[in-house]
Amino acid sequence: MKQVKRLGMVVVTLFLPSLSFATTQVGASCPQKFIATVTNIVDVQAVAFPKVEIDFQIIQTLKGEQVSTKKIQILKDGPVQFKSGEVYTVESRENWLCSASLLSKT
């Protein structure tokens, strides 16, 4: 079985005995949503894929626990390239990104 994680989804490919395959997408719930400013970006040492840790200063919590700061890890060359000082609407699950929308640039 091969499992690939994508933003907010898990794709599972099953190889069946008849040499055919089936693909299933399971939507992951994203219980946290907030508007925040990127305050710091740090490279994270990883074995398989390079990652970065993004520090956010939360401006407004839209869904989930009320906190003032948040750290999220993403792939370094992933689909979203955060920059310090920019403001985003972010959806997350624990310390992992589900989605992000740029609201204002620096």
Protein backbone atom coordinates (compact mmCIF):
# COMPACT_ATOMS: atom_id res chain seq x y z
CA MET A 1 0.00 0.00 0.00
CA LYS A 2 1.32 3.45 -0.93
CA GLN A 3 0.18 6.56 0.92
CA VAL A 4 0.75 10.11 -0.35
CA LYS A 5 -0.20 13.17 1.72
CA ARG A 6 -1.47 16.28 -0.05
CA LEU A 7 -2.89 19.53 1.28
CA GLY A 8 -5.90 18.44 3.32
CA MET A 9 -6.17 15.00 1.76
CA VAL A 10 -4.68 11.53 1.94
CA VAL A 11 -4.55 9.50 -1.25
CA VAL A 12 -4.33 5.76 -0.73
CA THR A 13 -3.57 3.38 -3.59
CA LEU A 14 -4.35 -0.29 -3.02
CA PHE A 15 -2.86 -3.04 -5.14
CA LEU A 16 -5.30 -5.93 -5.34
CA PRO A 17 -4.42 -9.58 -6.06
CA SER A 18 -5.88 -9.33 -9.59
CA LEU A 19 -3.14 -6.76 -10.48
CA SER A 20 -5.67 -3.97 -10.75
CA PHE A 21 -5.67 -0.99 -8.42
CA ALA A 22 -8.11 1.39 -6.76
CA THR A 23 -7.52 4.91 -5.47
CA THR A 24 -9.42 6.48 -2.58
CA GLN A 25 -9.25 10.05 -1.34
CA VAL A 26 -10.02 10.65 2.33
CA GLY A 27 -10.68 14.27 3.25
CA ALA A 28 -8.90 15.38 6.39
CA SER A 29 -10.79 17.66 8.75
CA CYS A 30 -9.07 20.98 9.44
CA PRO A 31 -10.29 22.15 12.86
CA GLN A 32 -8.22 25.35 13.02
CA LYS A 33 -8.67 28.45 10.86
CA PHE A 34 -7.13 31.85 11.48
CA ILE A 35 -5.83 35.06 9.93
CA ALA A 36 -2.17 35.63 10.73
CA THR A 37 1.06 37.38 9.83
CA VAL A 38 4.17 35.32 9.01
CA THR A 39 6.82 36.32 11.57
CA ASN A 40 9.63 33.81 10.91
CA ILE A 41 10.60 30.99 8.53
CA VAL A 42 13.16 28.35 9.59
CA ASP A 43 14.60 25.41 7.63
CA VAL A 44 13.92 22.03 9.29
CA GLN A 45 16.34 19.13 8.88
CA ALA A 46 14.44 16.20 7.40
CA VAL A 47 15.55 12.83 6.05
CA ALA A 48 13.25 12.48 3.05
CA PHE A 49 12.05 15.94 2.00
CA PRO A 50 13.30 19.41 3.02
CA LYS A 51 10.79 21.28 5.18
CA VAL A 52 10.38 24.73 6.65
CA GLU A 53 8.67 25.77 9.87
CA ILE A 54 6.51 28.87 9.58
CA ASP A 55 5.83 31.03 12.67
CA PHE A 56 2.56 32.98 12.62
CA GLN A 57 1.33 35.85 14.81
CA ILE A 58 -2.43 35.34 14.88
CA ILE A 59 -4.57 38.38 14.17
CA GLN A 60 -7.97 36.66 14.39
CA THR A 61 -9.12 33.11 15.13
CA LEU A 62 -11.94 32.04 12.82
CA LYS A 63 -12.30 28.42 13.99
CA GLY A 64 -10.73 26.33 16.74
CA GLU A 65 -8.62 27.08 19.78
CA GLN A 66 -7.80 30.73 20.57
CA VAL A 67 -4.00 31.13 20.54
CA SER A 68 -1.74 34.11 19.84
CA THR A 69 0.96 32.27 17.85
CA LYS A 70 1.15 29.12 15.73
CA LYS A 71 3.94 27.05 14.14
CA ILE A 72 3.28 24.98 11.02
CA GLN A 73 5.63 22.75 9.00
CA ILE A 74 5.40 22.49 5.21
CA LEU A 75 7.52 21.14 2.37
CA LYS A 76 10.18 23.68 1.45
CA ASP A 77 9.33 23.62 -2.27
CA GLY A 78 5.61 23.01 -1.77
CA PRO A 79 2.70 24.81 -3.43
CA VAL A 80 2.69 27.72 -0.94
CA GLN A 81 5.77 29.94 -0.57
CA PHE A 82 5.32 32.02 2.60
CA LYS A 83 7.24 35.26 3.16
CA SER A 84 7.81 37.13 6.41
CA GLY A 85 5.41 40.03 6.91
CA GLU A 86 2.68 38.67 4.62
CA VAL A 87 -0.83 38.06 5.98
CA TYR A 88 -2.69 34.80 5.26
CA THR A 89 -5.91 33.01 6.04
CA VAL A 90 -4.72 29.58 7.19
CA GLU A 91 -6.48 26.29 7.86
CA SER A 92 -4.52 23.68 9.80
CA ARG A 93 -4.66 20.41 11.66
CA GLU A 94 -2.29 20.47 14.63
CA ASN A 95 1.05 21.65 13.15
CA TRP A 96 0.25 20.78 9.53
CA LEU A 97 -1.12 23.03 6.79
CA CYS A 98 -4.45 22.24 5.11
CA SER A 99 -4.76 25.44 3.07
CA ALA A 100 -3.54 29.03 2.94
CA SER A 101 -4.73 32.13 1.09
CA LEU A 102 -2.63 35.27 0.80
CA LEU A 103 -4.51 38.35 2.07
CA SER A 104 -1.76 41.00 1.82
CA LYS A 105 1.84 41.21 0.68
CA THR A 106 4.65 43.10 2.35
